[in-house]
Amino acid sequence: MPTFRQELDRIIYEWGKFRRALRREEREEFDELMRRAKRHVSAAHYQANPDPMESVFISILLEHEMEIARLKRRLEDEGLDT
């Protein structure tokens, strides 16, 4: 049974054609999405979801939520919150 890290590497490889079809700046963002997924490999492995793409999506969504929270705090710190 492959580890989640191995599954993620396989997923990234399988999406290679999609990545190559993107514009350069889009490729950089795609790569960032995959880096975000890699940040949660341990949690995804622990979850052991039969569909590894679900763990990839949740990891990326979690990273986006964390970024939104950071940006909100920054706005609040600068007195620009709504």
Protein backbone atom coordinates (compact mmCIF):
# COMPACT_ATOMS: atom_id res chain seq x y z
CA MET A 1 0.00 0.00 0.00
CA PRO A 2 1.58 3.30 -1.07
CA THR A 3 2.02 6.11 1.43
CA PHE A 4 0.13 9.34 0.96
CA ARG A 5 3.38 11.04 -0.05
CA GLN A 6 3.79 8.47 -2.82
CA GLU A 7 0.16 8.95 -3.86
CA LEU A 8 0.64 12.72 -3.94
CA ASP A 9 3.74 12.34 -6.09
CA ARG A 10 1.72 10.10 -8.42
CA ILE A 11 -1.10 12.67 -8.58
CA ILE A 12 1.34 15.48 -9.36
CA TYR A 13 2.89 13.34 -12.09
CA GLU A 14 -0.53 12.50 -13.57
CA TRP A 15 -1.42 16.21 -13.70
CA GLY A 16 1.82 16.97 -15.54
CA LYS A 17 0.17 17.41 -18.95
CA PHE A 18 -2.37 19.79 -17.45
CA ARG A 19 0.47 21.76 -15.82
CA ARG A 20 2.46 21.96 -19.05
CA ALA A 21 -0.60 23.38 -20.87
CA LEU A 22 -0.83 26.28 -18.41
CA ARG A 23 0.79 29.67 -18.91
CA ARG A 24 4.03 30.23 -16.96
CA GLU A 25 2.40 32.27 -14.15
CA GLU A 26 -0.36 29.68 -13.88
CA ARG A 27 2.24 26.90 -13.60
CA GLU A 28 3.80 28.72 -10.68
CA GLU A 29 0.41 28.87 -8.95
CA PHE A 30 -0.26 25.21 -9.73
CA ASP A 31 3.09 24.31 -8.18
CA GLU A 32 2.18 26.36 -5.12
CA LEU A 33 -1.07 24.40 -4.77
CA MET A 34 0.90 21.16 -4.77
CA ARG A 35 3.34 22.57 -2.19
CA ARG A 36 0.35 23.46 -0.03
CA ALA A 37 -0.94 19.90 -0.30
CA LYS A 38 2.50 18.57 0.68
CA ARG A 39 2.44 20.61 3.89
CA HIS A 40 -0.26 18.29 5.25
CA VAL A 41 1.12 14.92 4.18
CA SER A 42 1.22 13.60 7.75
CA ALA A 43 -2.41 14.49 8.45
CA ALA A 44 -3.52 13.08 5.08
CA HIS A 45 -1.60 9.88 5.74
CA TYR A 46 -3.20 9.59 9.17
CA GLN A 47 -6.66 10.11 7.63
CA ALA A 48 -5.99 7.26 5.16
CA ASN A 49 -8.78 8.35 2.83
CA PRO A 50 -9.39 5.81 0.04
CA ASP A 51 -9.51 8.73 -2.43
CA PRO A 52 -6.24 10.66 -2.05
CA MET A 53 -7.60 13.58 -4.11
CA GLU A 54 -9.99 14.39 -1.26
CA SER A 55 -7.02 14.81 1.06
CA VAL A 56 -5.26 16.95 -1.55
CA PHE A 57 -8.30 19.22 -1.85
CA ILE A 58 -8.83 19.48 1.92
CA SER A 59 -5.14 20.29 2.42
CA ILE A 60 -5.27 23.05 -0.18
CA LEU A 61 -8.53 24.41 1.24
CA LEU A 62 -7.04 24.41 4.73
CA GLU A 63 -4.04 26.38 3.46
CA HIS A 64 -6.37 28.88 1.79
CA GLU A 65 -8.38 29.29 4.99
CA MET A 66 -5.18 29.88 6.93
CA GLU A 67 -4.11 32.52 4.40
CA ILE A 68 -7.48 34.27 4.62
CA ALA A 69 -7.19 34.34 8.42
CA ARG A 70 -3.65 35.80 8.17
CA LEU A 71 -4.84 38.48 5.76
CA LYS A 72 -7.80 39.36 8.00
CA ARG A 73 -5.49 39.72 11.00
CA ARG A 74 -3.18 41.90 8.98
CA LEU A 75 -6.06 44.14 7.90
CA GLU A 76 -7.22 44.39 11.51
CA ASP A 77 -3.70 45.25 12.66
CA GLU A 78 -3.56 48.05 10.10
CA GLY A 79 -7.04 49.28 11.03
CA LEU A 80 -8.45 48.41 7.63
CA ASP A 81 -10.91 45.74 8.72
CA THR A 82 -14.56 46.13 7.81
